[in-house]
Amino acid sequence: MRGTSHDAKDAVGGEPRHRRAPMTTSRHQPVTAQGLPKPVGPYSPGMKLDSLLFVSGQAATDPATGKQAEGIEAQTEQVLRNLERILVAGGSSLQHVLRCGVFVTDMADFPRMNAVYERLFAGHRPARTTVQVAALPQTGLLVEIDCIAYVP
């Protein structure tokens, strides 16, 4: 069957796919922001590649108090502030976000989350997907947001 062989030639490079050298990480740069809680798993808060910045999903923990914000509006604001800290640490900003992924535990919270999101993005309209999930990694967390931004 065409296209299913492990020895299939790559249309661009001509090398068999399984023999191609792995992508180097020399251009990848982890990005962290001072004061944010450590990630709950083996991942970087942000990863910069050339002029793109990928930011992992952020929780609603206030770096000043170490406590999770309460309620969907306060959590959405804190999540976006945490996201913004990583963006700034990587040389970007909310105004340079290209795409967001929004994860909510209850779609009934969508209108209130959306109002805070709209206010903080201040007219900027990145592409976005919003989905309801059964649970998020931290107890009581109602919303998590990740993003991809460019670094001007």
C-alpha atoms as a PDB file:
ATOM      1  CA  MET A   1       0.000   0.000   0.000  1.00  0.00           C
ATOM      2  CA  ARG A   2       1.389   3.429  -0.919  1.00  0.00           C
ATOM      3  CA  GLY A   3       2.568   5.750   1.834  1.00  0.00           C
ATOM      4  CA  THR A   4       2.596   3.153   4.600  1.00  0.00           C
ATOM      5  CA  SER A   5       6.093   1.702   4.240  1.00  0.00           C
ATOM      6  CA  HIS A   6       8.605   2.675   6.911  1.00  0.00           C
ATOM      7  CA  ASP A   7      11.104   3.124   4.080  1.00  0.00           C
ATOM      8  CA  ALA A   8       8.867   5.607   2.277  1.00  0.00           C
ATOM      9  CA  LYS A   9      10.834   8.514   0.912  1.00  0.00           C
ATOM     10  CA  ASP A  10      10.136  11.948   2.280  1.00  0.00           C
ATOM     11  CA  ALA A  11       8.793  14.147  -0.507  1.00  0.00           C
ATOM     12  CA  VAL A  12      11.053  17.012   0.535  1.00  0.00           C
ATOM     13  CA  GLY A  13      14.384  15.540   1.615  1.00  0.00           C
ATOM     14  CA  GLY A  14      14.433  12.211  -0.196  1.00  0.00           C
ATOM     15  CA  GLU A  15      15.711  10.384   2.905  1.00  0.00           C
ATOM     16  CA  PRO A  16      13.649   7.549   4.342  1.00  0.00           C
ATOM     17  CA  ARG A  17      11.626   8.985   7.233  1.00  0.00           C
ATOM     18  CA  HIS A  18      13.029   6.599   9.823  1.00  0.00           C
ATOM     19  CA  ARG A  19      16.646   7.417   8.895  1.00  0.00           C
ATOM     20  CA  ARG A  20      16.377  11.180   9.145  1.00  0.00           C
ATOM     21  CA  ALA A  21      18.444  12.762  11.911  1.00  0.00           C
ATOM     22  CA  PRO A  22      16.380  13.881  14.901  1.00  0.00           C
ATOM     23  CA  MET A  23      15.496  17.548  15.116  1.00  0.00           C
ATOM     24  CA  THR A  24      18.169  19.402  17.052  1.00  0.00           C
ATOM     25  CA  THR A  25      17.243  21.351  20.131  1.00  0.00           C
ATOM     26  CA  SER A  26      19.881  24.051  19.672  1.00  0.00           C
ATOM     27  CA  ARG A  27      17.219  26.584  18.660  1.00  0.00           C
ATOM     28  CA  HIS A  28      14.800  25.553  21.418  1.00  0.00           C
ATOM     29  CA  GLN A  29      14.960  27.697  24.530  1.00  0.00           C
ATOM     30  CA  PRO A  30      12.946  26.937  27.669  1.00  0.00           C
ATOM     31  CA  VAL A  31      11.211  30.012  29.082  1.00  0.00           C
ATOM     32  CA  THR A  32      10.329  30.496  32.728  1.00  0.00           C
ATOM     33  CA  ALA A  33       9.059  33.517  34.649  1.00  0.00           C
ATOM     34  CA  GLN A  34      10.234  34.608  38.067  1.00  0.00           C
ATOM     35  CA  GLY A  35       7.872  33.786  40.900  1.00  0.00           C
ATOM     36  CA  LEU A  36       5.497  31.423  39.121  1.00  0.00           C
ATOM     37  CA  PRO A  37       4.914  28.047  40.781  1.00  0.00           C
ATOM     38  CA  LYS A  38       6.933  25.117  39.475  1.00  0.00           C
ATOM     39  CA  PRO A  39       5.135  23.048  36.831  1.00  0.00           C
ATOM     40  CA  VAL A  40       3.184  20.068  38.190  1.00  0.00           C
ATOM     41  CA  GLY A  41       4.831  17.760  35.646  1.00  0.00           C
ATOM     42  CA  PRO A  42       7.934  17.284  33.507  1.00  0.00           C
ATOM     43  CA  TYR A  43       7.420  20.215  31.127  1.00  0.00           C
ATOM     44  CA  SER A  44       8.588  23.788  30.592  1.00  0.00           C
ATOM     45  CA  PRO A  45       6.223  26.696  31.226  1.00  0.00           C
ATOM     46  CA  GLY A  46       7.265  28.050  27.844  1.00  0.00           C
ATOM     47  CA  MET A  47       9.358  26.973  24.871  1.00  0.00           C
ATOM     48  CA  LYS A  48      10.769  29.410  22.351  1.00  0.00           C
ATOM     49  CA  LEU A  49      11.700  28.333  18.829  1.00  0.00           C
ATOM     50  CA  ASP A  50      12.967  31.103  16.581  1.00  0.00           C
ATOM     51  CA  SER A  51      10.236  33.762  16.684  1.00  0.00           C
ATOM     52  CA  LEU A  52       7.520  31.501  18.115  1.00  0.00           C
ATOM     53  CA  LEU A  53       6.738  31.086  21.808  1.00  0.00           C
ATOM     54  CA  PHE A  54       4.671  28.117  22.994  1.00  0.00           C
ATOM     55  CA  VAL A  55       3.242  28.547  26.502  1.00  0.00           C
ATOM     56  CA  SER A  56       1.992  25.562  28.491  1.00  0.00           C
ATOM     57  CA  GLY A  57      -1.424  25.643  30.106  1.00  0.00           C
ATOM     58  CA  GLN A  58      -1.427  27.906  33.130  1.00  0.00           C
ATOM     59  CA  ALA A  59      -3.318  27.512  36.377  1.00  0.00           C
ATOM     60  CA  ALA A  60      -4.878  30.199  38.583  1.00  0.00           C
ATOM     61  CA  THR A  61      -2.239  30.291  41.329  1.00  0.00           C
ATOM     62  CA  ASP A  62      -1.351  33.805  42.458  1.00  0.00           C
ATOM     63  CA  PRO A  63       2.476  33.971  42.575  1.00  0.00           C
ATOM     64  CA  ALA A  64       2.366  36.535  45.411  1.00  0.00           C
ATOM     65  CA  THR A  65       0.266  34.401  47.773  1.00  0.00           C
ATOM     66  CA  GLY A  66       0.707  30.877  46.412  1.00  0.00           C
ATOM     67  CA  LYS A  67      -3.079  30.491  46.588  1.00  0.00           C
ATOM     68  CA  GLN A  68      -5.485  29.591  43.820  1.00  0.00           C
ATOM     69  CA  ALA A  69      -7.959  32.305  42.833  1.00  0.00           C
ATOM     70  CA  GLU A  70     -11.616  31.489  43.461  1.00  0.00           C
ATOM     71  CA  GLY A  71     -14.462  31.703  40.957  1.00  0.00           C
ATOM     72  CA  ILE A  72     -14.298  31.621  37.181  1.00  0.00           C
ATOM     73  CA  GLU A  73     -13.717  35.366  36.699  1.00  0.00           C
ATOM     74  CA  ALA A  74     -10.848  35.594  39.207  1.00  0.00           C
ATOM     75  CA  GLN A  75      -9.334  32.344  37.935  1.00  0.00           C
ATOM     76  CA  THR A  76      -9.488  33.459  34.300  1.00  0.00           C
ATOM     77  CA  GLU A  77      -7.796  36.749  35.170  1.00  0.00           C
ATOM     78  CA  GLN A  78      -5.059  35.018  37.185  1.00  0.00           C
ATOM     79  CA  VAL A  79      -4.490  32.399  34.481  1.00  0.00           C
ATOM     80  CA  LEU A  80      -4.070  35.135  31.857  1.00  0.00           C
ATOM     81  CA  ARG A  81      -1.760  37.149  34.151  1.00  0.00           C
ATOM     82  CA  ASN A  82       0.394  34.028  34.658  1.00  0.00           C
ATOM     83  CA  LEU A  83       0.384  33.408  30.909  1.00  0.00           C
ATOM     84  CA  GLU A  84       1.387  37.035  30.364  1.00  0.00           C
ATOM     85  CA  ARG A  85       4.368  36.706  32.745  1.00  0.00           C
ATOM     86  CA  ILE A  86       5.745  33.835  30.665  1.00  0.00           C
ATOM     87  CA  LEU A  87       5.053  35.693  27.419  1.00  0.00           C
ATOM     88  CA  VAL A  88       6.948  38.760  28.678  1.00  0.00           C
ATOM     89  CA  ALA A  89       9.824  36.586  29.946  1.00  0.00           C
ATOM     90  CA  GLY A  90      10.052  35.158  26.420  1.00  0.00           C
ATOM     91  CA  GLY A  91      10.011  38.583  24.745  1.00  0.00           C
ATOM     92  CA  SER A  92       6.340  38.617  23.725  1.00  0.00           C
ATOM     93  CA  SER A  93       2.994  39.835  25.103  1.00  0.00           C
ATOM     94  CA  LEU A  94      -0.727  39.120  25.083  1.00  0.00           C
ATOM     95  CA  GLN A  95      -1.010  41.357  22.011  1.00  0.00           C
ATOM     96  CA  HIS A  96       1.280  38.977  20.085  1.00  0.00           C
ATOM     97  CA  VAL A  97      -0.694  35.808  20.862  1.00  0.00           C
ATOM     98  CA  LEU A  98      -1.657  33.913  17.720  1.00  0.00           C
ATOM     99  CA  ARG A  99      -3.736  31.124  19.264  1.00  0.00           C
ATOM    100  CA  CYS A 100      -5.172  30.115  22.643  1.00  0.00           C
ATOM    101  CA  GLY A 101      -6.532  26.840  23.917  1.00  0.00           C
ATOM    102  CA  VAL A 102      -9.056  27.320  26.726  1.00  0.00           C
ATOM    103  CA  PHE A 103     -10.069  24.398  28.929  1.00  0.00           C
ATOM    104  CA  VAL A 104     -13.046  24.838  31.272  1.00  0.00           C
ATOM    105  CA  THR A 105     -14.579  22.295  33.622  1.00  0.00           C
ATOM    106  CA  ASP A 106     -18.100  23.661  33.101  1.00  0.00           C
ATOM    107  CA  MET A 107     -19.262  25.235  29.840  1.00  0.00           C
ATOM    108  CA  ALA A 108     -21.869  27.165  31.857  1.00  0.00           C
ATOM    109  CA  ASP A 109     -18.880  29.309  32.956  1.00  0.00           C
ATOM    110  CA  PHE A 110     -18.117  30.224  29.330  1.00  0.00           C
ATOM    111  CA  PRO A 111     -19.835  33.662  29.248  1.00  0.00           C
ATOM    112  CA  ARG A 112     -18.076  34.873  32.431  1.00  0.00           C
ATOM    113  CA  MET A 113     -14.705  33.435  31.365  1.00  0.00           C
ATOM    114  CA  ASN A 114     -15.159  34.997  27.927  1.00  0.00           C
ATOM    115  CA  ALA A 115     -15.885  38.467  29.370  1.00  0.00           C
ATOM    116  CA  VAL A 116     -12.612  38.465  31.345  1.00  0.00           C
ATOM    117  CA  TYR A 117     -10.714  37.042  28.362  1.00  0.00           C
ATOM    118  CA  GLU A 118     -12.085  39.784  26.090  1.00  0.00           C
ATOM    119  CA  ARG A 119     -11.209  42.527  28.595  1.00  0.00           C
ATOM    120  CA  LEU A 120      -7.613  41.358  29.086  1.00  0.00           C
ATOM    121  CA  PHE A 121      -6.942  40.852  25.390  1.00  0.00           C
ATOM    122  CA  ALA A 122      -8.179  44.434  24.862  1.00  0.00           C
ATOM    123  CA  GLY A 123      -9.442  44.116  21.299  1.00  0.00           C
ATOM    124  CA  HIS A 124      -6.829  41.606  20.141  1.00  0.00           C
ATOM    125  CA  ARG A 125      -8.529  38.488  18.717  1.00  0.00           C
ATOM    126  CA  PRO A 126      -6.215  35.457  18.565  1.00  0.00           C
ATOM    127  CA  ALA A 127      -7.532  32.213  17.116  1.00  0.00           C
ATOM    128  CA  ARG A 128      -9.049  30.159  19.930  1.00  0.00           C
ATOM    129  CA  THR A 129     -10.565  26.840  20.800  1.00  0.00           C
ATOM    130  CA  THR A 130     -12.575  26.392  24.002  1.00  0.00           C
ATOM    131  CA  VAL A 131     -13.449  22.931  25.259  1.00  0.00           C
ATOM    132  CA  GLN A 132     -15.041  21.488  28.363  1.00  0.00           C
ATOM    133  CA  VAL A 133     -12.928  18.926  30.201  1.00  0.00           C
ATOM    134  CA  ALA A 134     -13.845  16.488  32.958  1.00  0.00           C
ATOM    135  CA  ALA A 135     -11.124  17.771  35.278  1.00  0.00           C
ATOM    136  CA  LEU A 136      -7.935  19.826  35.450  1.00  0.00           C
ATOM    137  CA  PRO A 137      -4.708  18.896  37.276  1.00  0.00           C
ATOM    138  CA  GLN A 138      -5.336  21.022  40.390  1.00  0.00           C
ATOM    139  CA  THR A 139      -8.306  20.531  42.683  1.00  0.00           C
ATOM    140  CA  GLY A 140     -10.751  23.404  42.285  1.00  0.00           C
ATOM    141  CA  LEU A 141      -9.210  24.677  39.057  1.00  0.00           C
ATOM    142  CA  LEU A 142     -12.018  25.799  36.729  1.00  0.00           C
ATOM    143  CA  VAL A 143     -10.023  27.075  33.739  1.00  0.00           C
ATOM    144  CA  GLU A 144      -6.627  26.529  32.142  1.00  0.00           C
ATOM    145  CA  ILE A 145      -5.290  28.389  29.111  1.00  0.00           C
ATOM    146  CA  ASP A 146      -2.307  27.730  26.846  1.00  0.00           C
ATOM    147  CA  CYS A 147      -1.127  29.752  23.881  1.00  0.00           C
ATOM    148  CA  ILE A 148       1.203  30.227  20.949  1.00  0.00           C
ATOM    149  CA  ALA A 149       2.625  33.693  20.360  1.00  0.00           C
ATOM    150  CA  TYR A 150       5.191  35.315  18.142  1.00  0.00           C
ATOM    151  CA  VAL A 151       8.193  37.223  19.417  1.00  0.00           C
ATOM    152  CA  PRO A 152       8.575  40.513  17.533  1.00  0.00           C
END
